[in-house]
Amino acid sequence: MKELLRTNDPTVIAFAEALLSGERIQTFAMDVHMSALEGSIGILPRRLMVRSEDLARARRVLTENGIEIEET
């Protein structure tokens, strides 16, 4: 699995998951339960992971739909 997106905004994660699901790209959201440790203030980013072979296509889908991602 490769990291596709890292953000503090849960709505961006949800939107990205919906877009990728529509393209039949499997995702796995990490760090979604970290809010229990931080007191639900949203300082710890959540990560969206995809399979290595889907990374380039997933990046293209997100950027075409206005989600900015950092290339690592």
PDB file of N, CA and C in Angstrom:
ATOM      1  N   MET A   1       0.844  -1.180   0.000  1.00  0.00           N
ATOM      2  CA  MET A   1       0.000   0.000   0.000  1.00  0.00           C
ATOM      3  C   MET A   1       0.890   1.245   0.000  1.00  0.00           C
ATOM      4  N   LYS A   2       0.430   2.240  -0.708  1.00  0.00           N
ATOM      5  CA  LYS A   2       1.143   3.517  -0.788  1.00  0.00           C
ATOM      6  C   LYS A   2       0.220   4.640  -0.315  1.00  0.00           C
ATOM      7  N   GLU A   3       0.818   5.635   0.301  1.00  0.00           N
ATOM      8  CA  GLU A   3       0.041   6.785   0.752  1.00  0.00           C
ATOM      9  C   GLU A   3      -0.317   7.660  -0.435  1.00  0.00           C
ATOM     10  N   LEU A   4      -1.582   7.917  -0.582  1.00  0.00           N
ATOM     11  CA  LEU A   4      -2.081   8.763  -1.662  1.00  0.00           C
ATOM     12  C   LEU A   4      -2.362  10.173  -1.166  1.00  0.00           C
ATOM     13  N   LEU A   5      -2.935  10.278   0.023  1.00  0.00           N
ATOM     14  CA  LEU A   5      -3.421  11.563   0.513  1.00  0.00           C
ATOM     15  C   LEU A   5      -3.263  11.621   2.014  1.00  0.00           C
ATOM     16  N   ARG A   6      -2.918  12.806   2.522  1.00  0.00           N
ATOM     17  CA  ARG A   6      -2.823  13.055   3.967  1.00  0.00           C
ATOM     18  C   ARG A   6      -3.489  14.396   4.231  1.00  0.00           C
ATOM     19  N   THR A   7      -4.499  14.381   5.097  1.00  0.00           N
ATOM     20  CA  THR A   7      -5.230  15.613   5.372  1.00  0.00           C
ATOM     21  C   THR A   7      -5.877  15.560   6.747  1.00  0.00           C
ATOM     22  N   ASN A   8      -6.130  16.742   7.287  1.00  0.00           N
ATOM     23  CA  ASN A   8      -6.861  16.866   8.548  1.00  0.00           C
ATOM     24  C   ASN A   8      -8.362  16.985   8.313  1.00  0.00           C
ATOM     25  N   ASP A   9      -8.765  17.128   7.060  1.00  0.00           N
ATOM     26  CA  ASP A   9     -10.161  17.352   6.713  1.00  0.00           C
ATOM     27  C   ASP A   9     -10.858  16.029   6.382  1.00  0.00           C
ATOM     28  N   PRO A  10     -11.732  15.543   7.257  1.00  0.00           N
ATOM     29  CA  PRO A  10     -12.392  14.258   7.006  1.00  0.00           C
ATOM     30  C   PRO A  10     -13.313  14.279   5.783  1.00  0.00           C
ATOM     31  N   THR A  11     -13.785  15.467   5.388  1.00  0.00           N
ATOM     32  CA  THR A  11     -14.641  15.521   4.202  1.00  0.00           C
ATOM     33  C   THR A  11     -13.852  15.275   2.926  1.00  0.00           C
ATOM     34  N   VAL A  12     -12.585  15.676   2.909  1.00  0.00           N
ATOM     35  CA  VAL A  12     -11.730  15.421   1.750  1.00  0.00           C
ATOM     36  C   VAL A  12     -11.481  13.914   1.614  1.00  0.00           C
ATOM     37  N   ILE A  13     -11.239  13.249   2.736  1.00  0.00           N
ATOM     38  CA  ILE A  13     -11.040  11.796   2.714  1.00  0.00           C
ATOM     39  C   ILE A  13     -12.296  11.110   2.179  1.00  0.00           C
ATOM     40  N   ALA A  14     -13.461  11.513   2.668  1.00  0.00           N
ATOM     41  CA  ALA A  14     -14.716  10.900   2.227  1.00  0.00           C
ATOM     42  C   ALA A  14     -14.951  11.127   0.731  1.00  0.00           C
ATOM     43  N   PHE A  15     -14.692  12.339   0.253  1.00  0.00           N
ATOM     44  CA  PHE A  15     -14.862  12.653  -1.165  1.00  0.00           C
ATOM     45  C   PHE A  15     -13.895  11.829  -2.011  1.00  0.00           C
ATOM     46  N   ALA A  16     -12.636  11.755  -1.582  1.00  0.00           N
ATOM     47  CA  ALA A  16     -11.637  10.983  -2.318  1.00  0.00           C
ATOM     48  C   ALA A  16     -12.021   9.503  -2.364  1.00  0.00           C
ATOM     49  N   GLU A  17     -12.489   8.964  -1.250  1.00  0.00           N
ATOM     50  CA  GLU A  17     -12.909   7.563  -1.222  1.00  0.00           C
ATOM     51  C   GLU A  17     -14.065   7.317  -2.190  1.00  0.00           C
ATOM     52  N   ALA A  18     -15.023   8.238  -2.243  1.00  0.00           N
ATOM     53  CA  ALA A  18     -16.154   8.093  -3.157  1.00  0.00           C
ATOM     54  C   ALA A  18     -15.702   8.135  -4.616  1.00  0.00           C
ATOM     55  N   LEU A  19     -14.817   9.079  -4.939  1.00  0.00           N
ATOM     56  CA  LEU A  19     -14.304   9.174  -6.307  1.00  0.00           C
ATOM     57  C   LEU A  19     -13.570   7.903  -6.715  1.00  0.00           C
ATOM     58  N   LEU A  20     -12.704   7.426  -5.832  1.00  0.00           N
ATOM     59  CA  LEU A  20     -11.911   6.253  -6.154  1.00  0.00           C
ATOM     60  C   LEU A  20     -12.754   4.990  -6.208  1.00  0.00           C
ATOM     61  N   SER A  21     -13.752   4.915  -5.367  1.00  0.00           N
ATOM     62  CA  SER A  21     -14.667   3.773  -5.405  1.00  0.00           C
ATOM     63  C   SER A  21     -15.384   3.720  -6.752  1.00  0.00           C
ATOM     64  N   GLY A  22     -15.767   4.876  -7.258  1.00  0.00           N
ATOM     65  CA  GLY A  22     -16.406   4.950  -8.563  1.00  0.00           C
ATOM     66  C   GLY A  22     -15.513   4.483  -9.693  1.00  0.00           C
ATOM     67  N   GLU A  23     -14.217   4.575  -9.492  1.00  0.00           N
ATOM     68  CA  GLU A  23     -13.231   4.112 -10.472  1.00  0.00           C
ATOM     69  C   GLU A  23     -12.744   2.701 -10.165  1.00  0.00           C
ATOM     70  N   ARG A  24     -13.366   2.084  -9.181  1.00  0.00           N
ATOM     71  CA  ARG A  24     -13.020   0.723  -8.743  1.00  0.00           C
ATOM     72  C   ARG A  24     -11.564   0.610  -8.262  1.00  0.00           C
ATOM     73  N   ILE A  25     -11.144   1.648  -7.542  1.00  0.00           N
ATOM     74  CA  ILE A  25      -9.831   1.651  -6.909  1.00  0.00           C
ATOM     75  C   ILE A  25     -10.054   1.463  -5.424  1.00  0.00           C
ATOM     76  N   GLN A  26      -9.509   0.386  -4.873  1.00  0.00           N
ATOM     77  CA  GLN A  26      -9.688   0.105  -3.449  1.00  0.00           C
ATOM     78  C   GLN A  26      -8.831   1.043  -2.610  1.00  0.00           C
ATOM     79  N   THR A  27      -9.403   1.508  -1.508  1.00  0.00           N
ATOM     80  CA  THR A  27      -8.699   2.415  -0.599  1.00  0.00           C
ATOM     81  C   THR A  27      -8.741   1.861   0.817  1.00  0.00           C
ATOM     82  N   PHE A  28      -7.825   2.371   1.628  1.00  0.00           N
ATOM     83  CA  PHE A  28      -7.817   2.045   3.046  1.00  0.00           C
ATOM     84  C   PHE A  28      -7.465   3.320   3.798  1.00  0.00           C
ATOM     85  N   ALA A  29      -8.367   3.770   4.638  1.00  0.00           N
ATOM     86  CA  ALA A  29      -8.128   4.987   5.424  1.00  0.00           C
ATOM     87  C   ALA A  29      -7.414   4.611   6.713  1.00  0.00           C
ATOM     88  N   MET A  30      -6.326   5.308   6.988  1.00  0.00           N
ATOM     89  CA  MET A  30      -5.552   5.057   8.195  1.00  0.00           C
ATOM     90  C   MET A  30      -5.660   6.257   9.131  1.00  0.00           C
ATOM     91  N   ASP A  31      -5.463   5.990  10.400  1.00  0.00           N
ATOM     92  CA  ASP A  31      -5.445   7.016  11.447  1.00  0.00           C
ATOM     93  C   ASP A  31      -6.814   7.641  11.689  1.00  0.00           C
ATOM     94  N   VAL A  32      -7.882   6.967  11.300  1.00  0.00           N
ATOM     95  CA  VAL A  32      -9.220   7.548  11.468  1.00  0.00           C
ATOM     96  C   VAL A  32      -9.670   7.583  12.920  1.00  0.00           C
ATOM     97  N   HIS A  33      -9.095   6.741  13.760  1.00  0.00           N
ATOM     98  CA  HIS A  33      -9.501   6.706  15.159  1.00  0.00           C
ATOM     99  C   HIS A  33      -8.517   7.445  16.070  1.00  0.00           C
ATOM    100  N   MET A  34      -7.615   8.191  15.487  1.00  0.00           N
ATOM    101  CA  MET A  34      -6.641   8.941  16.280  1.00  0.00           C
ATOM    102  C   MET A  34      -7.288  10.106  17.024  1.00  0.00           C
ATOM    103  N   SER A  35      -8.497  10.499  16.612  1.00  0.00           N
ATOM    104  CA  SER A  35      -9.155  11.620  17.282  1.00  0.00           C
ATOM    105  C   SER A  35      -9.411  11.318  18.756  1.00  0.00           C
ATOM    106  N   ALA A  36      -9.519  10.050  19.106  1.00  0.00           N
ATOM    107  CA  ALA A  36      -9.708   9.691  20.514  1.00  0.00           C
ATOM    108  C   ALA A  36      -8.479  10.085  21.337  1.00  0.00           C
ATOM    109  N   LEU A  37      -7.308  10.022  20.710  1.00  0.00           N
ATOM    110  CA  LEU A  37      -6.074  10.384  21.404  1.00  0.00           C
ATOM    111  C   LEU A  37      -5.843  11.892  21.445  1.00  0.00           C
ATOM    112  N   GLU A  38      -6.332  12.587  20.434  1.00  0.00           N
ATOM    113  CA  GLU A  38      -6.076  14.020  20.351  1.00  0.00           C
ATOM    114  C   GLU A  38      -7.203  14.858  20.933  1.00  0.00           C
ATOM    115  N   GLY A  39      -8.272  14.218  21.386  1.00  0.00           N
ATOM    116  CA  GLY A  39      -9.396  14.953  21.956  1.00  0.00           C
ATOM    117  C   GLY A  39     -10.344  15.513  20.921  1.00  0.00           C
ATOM    118  N   SER A  40     -10.364  14.926  19.731  1.00  0.00           N
ATOM    119  CA  SER A  40     -11.275  15.311  18.632  1.00  0.00           C
ATOM    120  C   SER A  40     -11.094  16.756  18.173  1.00  0.00           C
ATOM    121  N   ILE A  41      -9.868  17.268  18.216  1.00  0.00           N
ATOM    122  CA  ILE A  41      -9.643  18.637  17.749  1.00  0.00           C
ATOM    123  C   ILE A  41      -9.095  18.693  16.325  1.00  0.00           C
ATOM    124  N   GLY A  42      -8.804  17.542  15.726  1.00  0.00           N
ATOM    125  CA  GLY A  42      -8.427  17.500  14.323  1.00  0.00           C
ATOM    126  C   GLY A  42      -7.009  17.911  13.989  1.00  0.00           C
ATOM    127  N   ILE A  43      -6.071  17.717  14.905  1.00  0.00           N
ATOM    128  CA  ILE A  43      -4.696  18.126  14.601  1.00  0.00           C
ATOM    129  C   ILE A  43      -3.881  17.023  13.935  1.00  0.00           C
ATOM    130  N   LEU A  44      -4.291  15.777  14.113  1.00  0.00           N
ATOM    131  CA  LEU A  44      -3.548  14.669  13.513  1.00  0.00           C
ATOM    132  C   LEU A  44      -4.148  14.331  12.152  1.00  0.00           C
ATOM    133  N   PRO A  45      -3.337  14.325  11.099  1.00  0.00           N
ATOM    134  CA  PRO A  45      -3.878  14.051   9.767  1.00  0.00           C
ATOM    135  C   PRO A  45      -4.263  12.583   9.589  1.00  0.00           C
ATOM    136  N   ARG A  46      -5.207  12.377   8.720  1.00  0.00           N
ATOM    137  CA  ARG A  46      -5.611  11.032   8.316  1.00  0.00           C
ATOM    138  C   ARG A  46      -4.968  10.737   6.976  1.00  0.00           C
ATOM    139  N   ARG A  47      -4.716   9.466   6.735  1.00  0.00           N
ATOM    140  CA  ARG A  47      -4.065   9.066   5.495  1.00  0.00           C
ATOM    141  C   ARG A  47      -4.980   8.141   4.699  1.00  0.00           C
ATOM    142  N   LEU A  48      -4.930   8.293   3.384  1.00  0.00           N
ATOM    143  CA  LEU A  48      -5.668   7.417   2.489  1.00  0.00           C
ATOM    144  C   LEU A  48      -4.651   6.632   1.674  1.00  0.00           C
ATOM    145  N   MET A  49      -4.747   5.316   1.760  1.00  0.00           N
ATOM    146  CA  MET A  49      -3.797   4.429   1.106  1.00  0.00           C
ATOM    147  C   MET A  49      -4.454   3.722  -0.074  1.00  0.00           C
ATOM    148  N   VAL A  50      -3.643   3.426  -1.101  1.00  0.00           N
ATOM    149  CA  VAL A  50      -4.090   2.635  -2.243  1.00  0.00           C
ATOM    150  C   VAL A  50      -3.001   1.619  -2.574  1.00  0.00           C
ATOM    151  N   ARG A  51      -3.372   0.622  -3.368  1.00  0.00           N
ATOM    152  CA  ARG A  51      -2.364  -0.360  -3.806  1.00  0.00           C
ATOM    153  C   ARG A  51      -1.339   0.326  -4.691  1.00  0.00           C
ATOM    154  N   SER A  52      -0.118  -0.155  -4.654  1.00  0.00           N
ATOM    155  CA  SER A  52       0.976   0.450  -5.414  1.00  0.00           C
ATOM    156  C   SER A  52       0.648   0.570  -6.895  1.00  0.00           C
ATOM    157  N   GLU A  53       0.036  -0.458  -7.451  1.00  0.00           N
ATOM    158  CA  GLU A  53      -0.264  -0.453  -8.883  1.00  0.00           C
ATOM    159  C   GLU A  53      -1.396   0.510  -9.247  1.00  0.00           C
ATOM    160  N   ASP A  54      -2.150   0.991  -8.276  1.00  0.00           N
ATOM    161  CA  ASP A  54      -3.239   1.938  -8.528  1.00  0.00           C
ATOM    162  C   ASP A  54      -2.847   3.382  -8.241  1.00  0.00           C
ATOM    163  N   LEU A  55      -1.650   3.613  -7.731  1.00  0.00           N
ATOM    164  CA  LEU A  55      -1.258   4.941  -7.246  1.00  0.00           C
ATOM    165  C   LEU A  55      -1.325   6.015  -8.333  1.00  0.00           C
ATOM    166  N   ALA A  56      -0.747   5.780  -9.493  1.00  0.00           N
ATOM    167  CA  ALA A  56      -0.730   6.796 -10.554  1.00  0.00           C
ATOM    168  C   ALA A  56      -2.146   7.129 -11.017  1.00  0.00           C
ATOM    169  N   ARG A  57      -2.959   6.118 -11.208  1.00  0.00           N
ATOM    170  CA  ARG A  57      -4.340   6.346 -11.659  1.00  0.00           C
ATOM    171  C   ARG A  57      -5.140   7.068 -10.579  1.00  0.00           C
ATOM    172  N   ALA A  58      -4.940   6.704  -9.316  1.00  0.00           N
ATOM    173  CA  ALA A  58      -5.645   7.354  -8.210  1.00  0.00           C
ATOM    174  C   ALA A  58      -5.251   8.826  -8.104  1.00  0.00           C
ATOM    175  N   ARG A  59      -3.975   9.128  -8.264  1.00  0.00           N
ATOM    176  CA  ARG A  59      -3.526  10.530  -8.240  1.00  0.00           C
ATOM    177  C   ARG A  59      -4.202  11.327  -9.343  1.00  0.00           C
ATOM    178  N   ARG A  60      -4.280  10.732 -10.523  1.00  0.00           N
ATOM    179  CA  ARG A  60      -4.904  11.414 -11.660  1.00  0.00           C
ATOM    180  C   ARG A  60      -6.386  11.684 -11.380  1.00  0.00           C
ATOM    181  N   VAL A  61      -7.101  10.705 -10.849  1.00  0.00           N
ATOM    182  CA  VAL A  61      -8.522  10.872 -10.537  1.00  0.00           C
ATOM    183  C   VAL A  61      -8.723  12.018  -9.553  1.00  0.00           C
ATOM    184  N   LEU A  62      -7.918  12.061  -8.502  1.00  0.00           N
ATOM    185  CA  LEU A  62      -8.086  13.115  -7.496  1.00  0.00           C
ATOM    186  C   LEU A  62      -7.752  14.495  -8.050  1.00  0.00           C
ATOM    187  N   THR A  63      -6.656  14.613  -8.773  1.00  0.00           N
ATOM    188  CA  THR A  63      -6.282  15.924  -9.299  1.00  0.00           C
ATOM    189  C   THR A  63      -7.279  16.411 -10.342  1.00  0.00           C
ATOM    190  N   GLU A  64      -7.838  15.504 -11.131  1.00  0.00           N
ATOM    191  CA  GLU A  64      -8.852  15.897 -12.112  1.00  0.00           C
ATOM    192  C   GLU A  64     -10.135  16.388 -11.443  1.00  0.00           C
ATOM    193  N   ASN A  65     -10.321  16.022 -10.190  1.00  0.00           N
ATOM    194  CA  ASN A  65     -11.517  16.424  -9.450  1.00  0.00           C
ATOM    195  C   ASN A  65     -11.232  17.485  -8.392  1.00  0.00           C
ATOM    196  N   GLY A  66     -10.088  18.145  -8.512  1.00  0.00           N
ATOM    197  CA  GLY A  66      -9.800  19.298  -7.678  1.00  0.00           C
ATOM    198  C   GLY A  66      -9.216  19.023  -6.301  1.00  0.00           C
ATOM    199  N   ILE A  67      -8.777  17.803  -6.061  1.00  0.00           N
ATOM    200  CA  ILE A  67      -8.146  17.496  -4.783  1.00  0.00           C
ATOM    201  C   ILE A  67      -6.635  17.572  -4.984  1.00  0.00           C
ATOM    202  N   GLU A  68      -6.019  18.493  -4.252  1.00  0.00           N
ATOM    203  CA  GLU A  68      -4.573  18.661  -4.369  1.00  0.00           C
ATOM    204  C   GLU A  68      -3.873  17.590  -3.536  1.00  0.00           C
ATOM    205  N   ILE A  69      -2.890  16.949  -4.137  1.00  0.00           N
ATOM    206  CA  ILE A  69      -2.113  15.938  -3.428  1.00  0.00           C
ATOM    207  C   ILE A  69      -0.643  16.253  -3.577  1.00  0.00           C
ATOM    208  N   GLU A  70       0.110  15.884  -2.567  1.00  0.00           N
ATOM    209  CA  GLU A  70       1.559  16.056  -2.604  1.00  0.00           C
ATOM    210  C   GLU A  70       2.184  14.791  -3.161  1.00  0.00           C
ATOM    211  N   GLU A  71       3.012  14.936  -4.160  1.00  0.00           N
ATOM    212  CA  GLU A  71       3.714  13.772  -4.714  1.00  0.00           C
ATOM    213  C   GLU A  71       4.929  13.515  -3.847  1.00  0.00           C
ATOM    214  N   THR A  72       5.067  12.258  -3.388  1.00  0.00           N
ATOM    215  CA  THR A  72       6.213  11.917  -2.546  1.00  0.00           C
ATOM    216  C   THR A  72       7.156  11.011  -3.261  1.00  0.00           C
TER     217      THR A  72
END
